[in-house]
Amino acid sequence: MKMAGPRGCTIFVAGRKRLARLLALNFPLALLVFEVPAQTLVPSINTDELVRQTAAHELAAASVGGYYRFRFEKCIAHGSETRDVIESRSWMVERLVLKNGQPLTAADQQHEERRLRCLLMNPARLEAFQKEQLSLKKRLRAFITAFPQAFSCEYDGVAQDNSSRGLIRLRFHPNPRFVCRSWELRPLQGLEGTLLIEPDDERLARMDARFFRDIDFGGGILGQIDRGGSFQFEQQPLGDNRRGITTLAMHFNKRVLLARVRVDFVTKTSGFQCVSRDVTLRQGVQQLLEQIQTTVVSSDAGKSQQVVRQKSVDSDSPMPGARSEP
């Protein structure tokens, strides 16, 4: 239908009708297009409170103590070592079981047995060993306690995992208002990176960090950690609100006085098995000694069977130059 008036007005009205028909046909598609930005809006998350709660939960779990036996593999530039570890309450003891993925030689087995028996025979060494383990746990608790004050965090999306909700990803960088009161916490002032936090129970799943600047100790006179290094930490659920550190990786250069040192390793932990909370350190060492004896006996039995099989093969084989019977 044409309207009275100039030709230009007739064209304008027809154009409006075609535009209306196009909008009617494509209105559902238009709705889908405009819904996408609504789904990508940043959720209302109080990142500071989330980090505080996560740190509190990690400290509470650490105070319960770990009672596990597990395999611990450490990889460095020149090879790898795998150890059988038993931990309980305030101590941890281990024995070497593999070198570069291969079983120990007889000499290495004997060395491990002597080392463990020395722990049993020497109470002073047992006490020093326990103090070393307590010192490591103390430094870890200090790091977790200081984290909410030492860093500022911001929401950075969701990382998918096996759960339906995924992991909350936060970016962190040093808080300029944080006052470092110990040398042990000094490296925190040069770290930045990301955290992955499980949203349901507010527990740390993974941390990836890097040293974005040099860290000096004593004005650089006592030592320094060079920028460019990296740090990775990952843990997984073990049950009963417990988590086990499954990956720990450190790669950086440092200087202690005049000596330059390269820290370069990756550790993997697996095969967690619960042990009694009442087991003593002496009992733990004795379990590892019994395992060594079992390994030696099995190895000797395997060698004996191999010798017997070889003799059997040799006896069935014809002598050189002998003729077989027709």
Protein backbone atom coordinates (compact mmCIF):
# COMPACT_ATOMS: atom_id res chain seq x y z
CA MET A 1 0.00 0.00 0.00
CA LYS A 2 1.41 3.34 -1.03
CA MET A 3 0.75 6.50 0.90
CA ALA A 4 0.08 9.85 -0.67
CA GLY A 5 3.00 12.14 -0.78
CA PRO A 6 6.38 12.47 -2.31
CA ARG A 7 8.11 9.37 -3.62
CA GLY A 8 10.74 9.54 -0.93
CA CYS A 9 8.11 9.13 1.81
CA THR A 10 6.74 5.98 0.11
CA ILE A 11 10.20 4.39 0.10
CA PHE A 12 10.75 5.33 3.76
CA VAL A 13 7.50 3.69 4.88
CA ALA A 14 8.29 0.48 2.95
CA GLY A 15 11.74 0.38 4.51
CA ARG A 16 10.26 0.62 7.99
CA LYS A 17 7.96 -2.31 7.27
CA ARG A 18 10.85 -4.50 6.11
CA LEU A 19 12.83 -3.55 9.27
CA ALA A 20 9.88 -4.50 11.46
CA ARG A 21 9.60 -7.93 9.79
CA LEU A 22 13.35 -8.56 10.21
CA LEU A 23 13.19 -7.68 13.93
CA ALA A 24 10.21 -9.97 14.45
CA LEU A 25 12.00 -12.91 12.81
CA ASN A 26 15.31 -12.35 14.59
CA PHE A 27 14.05 -11.25 18.03
CA PRO A 28 14.86 -14.61 19.76
CA LEU A 29 18.39 -14.52 18.33
CA ALA A 30 18.76 -10.94 19.52
CA LEU A 31 17.82 -12.03 23.04
CA LEU A 32 20.51 -14.74 23.03
CA VAL A 33 23.12 -12.26 21.83
CA PHE A 34 22.31 -9.79 24.56
CA GLU A 35 22.26 -12.49 27.27
CA VAL A 36 25.92 -13.39 26.85
CA PRO A 37 27.41 -10.35 28.63
CA ALA A 38 25.06 -10.95 31.57
CA GLN A 39 26.64 -14.38 32.16
CA THR A 40 30.19 -13.03 32.18
CA LEU A 41 29.59 -10.43 34.86
CA VAL A 42 32.00 -10.68 37.80
CA PRO A 43 30.18 -12.36 40.73
CA SER A 44 29.92 -10.58 44.02
CA ILE A 45 32.83 -12.20 45.90
CA ASN A 46 34.59 -10.65 48.87
CA THR A 47 38.07 -11.82 47.92
CA ASP A 48 39.69 -10.61 51.15
CA GLU A 49 37.20 -12.57 53.26
CA LEU A 50 37.56 -15.65 51.03
CA VAL A 51 41.35 -15.62 51.46
CA ARG A 52 41.05 -15.14 55.23
CA GLN A 53 38.64 -18.07 55.53
CA THR A 54 40.80 -20.26 53.31
CA ALA A 55 43.90 -19.52 55.39
CA ALA A 56 41.97 -20.26 58.59
CA HIS A 57 40.80 -23.60 57.24
CA GLU A 58 44.32 -24.55 56.14
CA LEU A 59 45.72 -23.69 59.58
CA ALA A 60 42.97 -25.68 61.31
CA ALA A 61 43.69 -28.72 59.14
CA ALA A 62 47.45 -28.40 59.71
CA SER A 63 46.99 -28.31 63.49
CA VAL A 64 45.24 -31.69 63.42
CA GLY A 65 48.45 -33.37 62.29
CA GLY A 66 49.09 -35.83 59.50
CA TYR A 67 49.18 -39.56 60.03
CA TYR A 68 50.06 -41.04 56.65
CA ARG A 69 52.48 -43.25 54.82
CA PHE A 70 53.18 -42.22 51.23
CA ARG A 71 55.62 -42.20 48.32
CA PHE A 72 57.66 -39.05 47.81
CA GLU A 73 59.50 -38.45 44.53
CA LYS A 74 61.95 -35.58 44.08
CA CYS A 75 63.19 -34.71 40.59
CA ILE A 76 66.25 -32.53 40.07
CA ALA A 77 68.41 -31.75 37.07
CA HIS A 78 70.63 -34.83 37.54
CA GLY A 79 67.93 -37.44 38.24
CA SER A 80 65.25 -38.45 40.71
CA GLU A 81 64.87 -40.17 44.07
CA THR A 82 61.75 -41.87 45.44
CA ARG A 83 61.28 -42.37 49.18
CA ASP A 84 58.90 -44.29 51.41
CA VAL A 85 57.74 -41.83 54.09
CA ILE A 86 55.92 -42.35 57.39
CA GLU A 87 54.67 -39.32 59.29
CA SER A 88 52.77 -38.96 62.54
CA ARG A 89 52.21 -36.11 65.00
CA SER A 90 55.41 -34.05 65.10
CA TRP A 91 57.82 -36.32 63.23
CA MET A 92 58.49 -37.80 59.82
CA VAL A 93 60.94 -40.53 58.79
CA GLU A 94 61.78 -41.91 55.35
CA ARG A 95 63.91 -44.38 53.42
CA LEU A 96 65.21 -44.31 49.86
CA VAL A 97 63.56 -46.95 47.62
CA LEU A 98 64.30 -45.86 44.02
CA LYS A 99 67.02 -43.95 42.19
CA ASN A 100 66.09 -42.62 38.76
CA GLY A 101 63.12 -44.98 38.81
CA GLN A 102 65.33 -48.06 39.43
CA PRO A 103 65.58 -50.26 42.57
CA LEU A 104 68.54 -49.68 44.88
CA THR A 105 71.73 -51.69 44.59
CA ALA A 106 72.77 -53.95 47.47
CA ALA A 107 75.26 -51.32 48.65
CA ASP A 108 72.58 -48.61 48.69
CA GLN A 109 70.23 -50.91 50.61
CA GLN A 110 72.88 -51.51 53.24
CA HIS A 111 73.56 -47.78 53.50
CA GLU A 112 69.86 -47.06 54.14
CA GLU A 113 69.68 -49.77 56.77
CA ARG A 114 72.73 -48.37 58.60
CA ARG A 115 71.28 -44.86 58.49
CA LEU A 116 67.95 -45.94 59.96
CA ARG A 117 69.57 -48.09 62.66
CA CYS A 118 71.73 -45.11 63.58
CA LEU A 119 68.52 -43.13 64.22
CA LEU A 120 67.34 -45.85 66.61
CA MET A 121 70.69 -46.12 68.40
CA ASN A 122 71.33 -42.38 68.71
CA PRO A 123 68.64 -40.43 70.66
CA ALA A 124 70.42 -37.13 69.93
CA ARG A 125 70.00 -37.65 66.18
CA LEU A 126 66.34 -38.54 66.70
CA GLU A 127 65.82 -35.29 68.60
CA ALA A 128 67.61 -33.24 65.93
CA PHE A 129 65.52 -34.91 63.25
CA GLN A 130 62.29 -34.06 65.10
CA LYS A 131 63.37 -30.43 65.55
CA GLU A 132 64.02 -30.14 61.81
CA GLN A 133 60.52 -31.40 60.99
CA LEU A 134 58.93 -29.05 63.55
CA SER A 135 60.85 -26.13 62.04
CA LEU A 136 59.50 -26.90 58.56
CA LYS A 137 55.91 -27.03 59.84
CA LYS A 138 56.44 -23.81 61.78
CA ARG A 139 57.60 -21.96 58.65
CA LEU A 140 54.64 -23.29 56.68
CA ARG A 141 52.19 -22.09 59.36
CA ALA A 142 53.85 -18.66 59.39
CA PHE A 143 53.49 -18.40 55.60
CA ILE A 144 49.77 -19.33 55.70
CA THR A 145 49.09 -16.99 58.63
CA ALA A 146 50.72 -14.00 56.92
CA PHE A 147 49.20 -14.55 53.47
CA PRO A 148 45.90 -12.62 53.95
CA GLN A 149 47.80 -9.54 55.17
CA ALA A 150 50.79 -9.87 52.85
CA PHE A 151 48.82 -9.93 49.59
CA SER A 152 45.97 -8.16 47.85
CA CYS A 153 43.72 -10.44 45.80
CA GLU A 154 41.23 -9.91 43.00
CA TYR A 155 38.76 -12.22 41.26
CA ASP A 156 40.03 -13.68 37.97
CA GLY A 157 37.34 -16.11 36.85
CA VAL A 158 36.67 -19.83 37.27
CA ALA A 159 39.01 -22.72 36.45
CA GLN A 160 37.25 -25.93 35.47
CA ASP A 161 37.99 -29.16 37.35
CA ASN A 162 36.11 -32.37 38.13
CA SER A 163 33.45 -30.56 40.17
CA SER A 164 30.43 -28.88 38.63
CA ARG A 165 31.18 -25.45 40.09
CA GLY A 166 34.85 -25.30 39.22
CA LEU A 167 37.60 -23.57 41.20
CA ILE A 168 37.65 -19.86 42.02
CA ARG A 169 40.75 -18.22 40.54
CA LEU A 170 42.25 -15.21 42.29
CA ARG A 171 45.21 -13.08 41.27
CA PHE A 172 47.44 -11.88 44.09
CA HIS A 173 50.22 -9.32 44.41
CA PRO A 174 52.07 -7.87 47.42
CA ASN A 175 50.18 -5.53 49.72
CA PRO A 176 52.30 -2.35 50.01
CA ARG A 177 50.97 -1.77 53.54
CA PHE A 178 52.19 -5.14 54.80
CA VAL A 179 55.05 -4.87 57.30
CA CYS A 180 57.36 -7.89 57.18
CA ARG A 181 58.62 -8.69 60.69
CA SER A 182 60.86 -11.68 59.92
CA TRP A 183 63.41 -12.71 57.32
CA GLU A 184 61.51 -15.94 56.71
CA LEU A 185 58.56 -13.93 55.34
CA ARG A 186 60.71 -11.56 53.29
CA PRO A 187 60.21 -13.54 50.01
CA LEU A 188 56.47 -12.79 50.16
CA GLN A 189 57.20 -9.19 49.16
CA GLY A 190 58.48 -10.31 45.75
CA LEU A 191 55.82 -12.87 44.81
CA GLU A 192 52.77 -12.54 42.58
CA GLY A 193 50.57 -15.09 40.87
CA THR A 194 47.27 -16.98 41.08
CA LEU A 195 45.35 -19.07 43.60
CA LEU A 196 42.76 -21.76 42.91
CA ILE A 197 40.28 -22.19 45.77
CA GLU A 198 37.55 -24.78 46.15
CA PRO A 199 34.35 -22.76 46.70
CA ASP A 200 32.42 -25.32 48.79
CA ASP A 201 34.85 -25.90 51.66
CA GLU A 202 37.12 -22.88 51.00
CA ARG A 203 40.36 -24.87 50.76
CA LEU A 204 43.42 -24.11 48.64
CA ALA A 205 43.79 -26.38 45.60
CA ARG A 206 46.74 -24.78 43.81
CA MET A 207 49.11 -21.81 43.85
CA ASP A 208 51.28 -20.60 40.97
CA ALA A 209 53.65 -17.76 41.82
CA ARG A 210 56.72 -16.05 40.43
CA PHE A 211 59.36 -13.69 41.77
CA PHE A 212 58.76 -10.49 39.82
CA ARG A 213 61.58 -8.60 41.54
CA ASP A 214 64.82 -9.26 43.44
CA ILE A 215 64.50 -9.98 47.17
CA ASP A 216 67.40 -8.70 49.26
CA PHE A 217 68.39 -9.88 52.73
CA GLY A 218 70.32 -7.48 54.90
CA GLY A 219 70.46 -4.91 52.14
CA GLY A 220 71.80 -7.53 49.75
CA ILE A 221 74.87 -8.23 51.89
CA LEU A 222 73.62 -11.48 53.41
CA GLY A 223 71.87 -12.81 50.33
CA GLN A 224 69.39 -12.33 47.51
CA ILE A 225 66.68 -14.19 45.58
CA ASP A 226 66.78 -13.27 41.89
CA ARG A 227 63.71 -12.20 39.98
CA GLY A 228 62.26 -14.55 37.36
CA GLY A 229 61.98 -17.64 39.56
CA SER A 230 58.78 -19.61 40.03
CA PHE A 231 56.97 -21.51 42.77
CA GLN A 232 54.11 -24.02 42.41
CA PHE A 233 52.05 -25.75 45.07
CA GLU A 234 49.17 -28.21 44.65
CA GLN A 235 47.20 -30.34 47.08
CA GLN A 236 44.32 -32.80 46.80
CA PRO A 237 41.71 -34.21 49.21
CA LEU A 238 42.59 -37.30 51.26
CA GLY A 239 39.32 -37.57 53.18
CA ASP A 240 38.26 -36.45 56.67
CA ASN A 241 38.87 -32.79 55.76
CA ARG A 242 42.54 -33.56 55.15
CA ARG A 243 44.61 -32.60 52.12
CA GLY A 244 47.93 -33.87 50.92
CA ILE A 245 50.56 -31.87 49.04
CA THR A 246 50.80 -33.70 45.71
CA THR A 247 53.07 -31.24 43.84
CA LEU A 248 55.69 -28.78 45.02
CA ALA A 249 57.99 -27.14 42.50
CA MET A 250 60.63 -24.43 42.96
CA HIS A 251 62.86 -22.93 40.27
CA PHE A 252 64.95 -19.87 41.14
CA ASN A 253 68.47 -18.55 41.67
CA LYS A 254 69.68 -17.22 45.00
CA ARG A 255 72.85 -15.96 46.61
CA VAL A 256 73.96 -16.71 50.17
CA LEU A 257 76.78 -14.28 51.06
CA LEU A 258 79.10 -14.81 48.05
CA ALA A 259 77.89 -18.26 46.99
CA ARG A 260 75.46 -18.54 44.08
CA VAL A 261 72.92 -21.39 44.37
CA ARG A 262 70.34 -22.75 41.91
CA VAL A 263 67.15 -24.14 43.50
CA ASP A 264 65.56 -26.37 40.87
CA PHE A 265 63.32 -29.29 41.84
CA VAL A 266 59.85 -30.81 41.50
CA THR A 267 58.35 -33.13 44.12
CA LYS A 268 55.41 -35.49 43.60
CA THR A 269 53.58 -37.26 46.41
CA SER A 270 51.23 -40.21 45.96
CA GLY A 271 49.91 -43.43 47.51
CA PHE A 272 48.68 -41.96 50.79
CA GLN A 273 47.78 -44.57 53.43
CA CYS A 274 46.53 -43.81 56.93
CA VAL A 275 48.70 -44.89 59.88
CA SER A 276 47.85 -45.04 63.55
CA ARG A 277 48.12 -41.77 65.44
CA ASP A 278 49.74 -43.66 68.31
CA VAL A 279 52.68 -44.99 66.30
CA THR A 280 56.01 -43.77 67.70
CA LEU A 281 59.02 -42.63 65.75
CA ARG A 282 60.91 -45.74 66.85
CA GLN A 283 58.09 -47.94 65.55
CA GLY A 284 58.07 -46.04 62.26
CA VAL A 285 61.81 -46.59 61.79
CA GLN A 286 61.36 -50.27 62.62
CA GLN A 287 58.66 -50.60 59.94
CA LEU A 288 61.01 -49.15 57.34
CA LEU A 289 63.80 -51.51 58.44
CA GLU A 290 61.47 -54.49 58.08
CA GLN A 291 60.56 -53.28 54.60
CA ILE A 292 64.26 -53.17 53.65
CA GLN A 293 64.75 -56.76 54.85
CA THR A 294 61.68 -57.87 52.89
CA THR A 295 63.00 -56.16 49.77
CA VAL A 296 66.42 -57.82 50.13
CA VAL A 297 64.90 -61.28 50.65
CA SER A 298 62.62 -60.83 47.62
CA SER A 299 65.56 -59.66 45.53
CA ASP A 300 67.68 -62.66 46.59
CA ALA A 301 64.81 -65.04 45.87
CA GLY A 302 64.36 -63.51 42.42
CA LYS A 303 68.05 -63.94 41.68
CA SER A 304 67.97 -67.57 42.86
CA GLN A 305 65.01 -68.36 40.64
CA GLN A 306 66.78 -66.72 37.72
CA VAL A 307 69.87 -68.89 38.35
CA VAL A 308 67.74 -72.05 38.57
CA ARG A 309 65.95 -71.21 35.33
CA GLN A 310 69.26 -70.51 33.62
CA LYS A 311 70.71 -73.84 34.78
CA SER A 312 67.61 -75.62 33.53
CA VAL A 313 68.00 -73.97 30.13
CA ASP A 314 71.70 -74.88 30.03
CA SER A 315 71.00 -78.54 30.88
CA ASP A 316 68.38 -78.82 28.15
CA SER A 317 70.66 -77.29 25.52
CA PRO A 318 72.85 -79.68 23.46
CA MET A 319 76.60 -79.64 24.05
CA PRO A 320 78.69 -77.94 21.37
CA GLY A 321 79.58 -80.44 18.64
CA ALA A 322 77.14 -83.09 19.90
CA ARG A 323 74.84 -84.77 17.40
CA SER A 324 71.17 -85.29 18.18
CA GLU A 325 69.81 -88.85 18.18
CA PRO A 326 67.85 -89.89 15.10
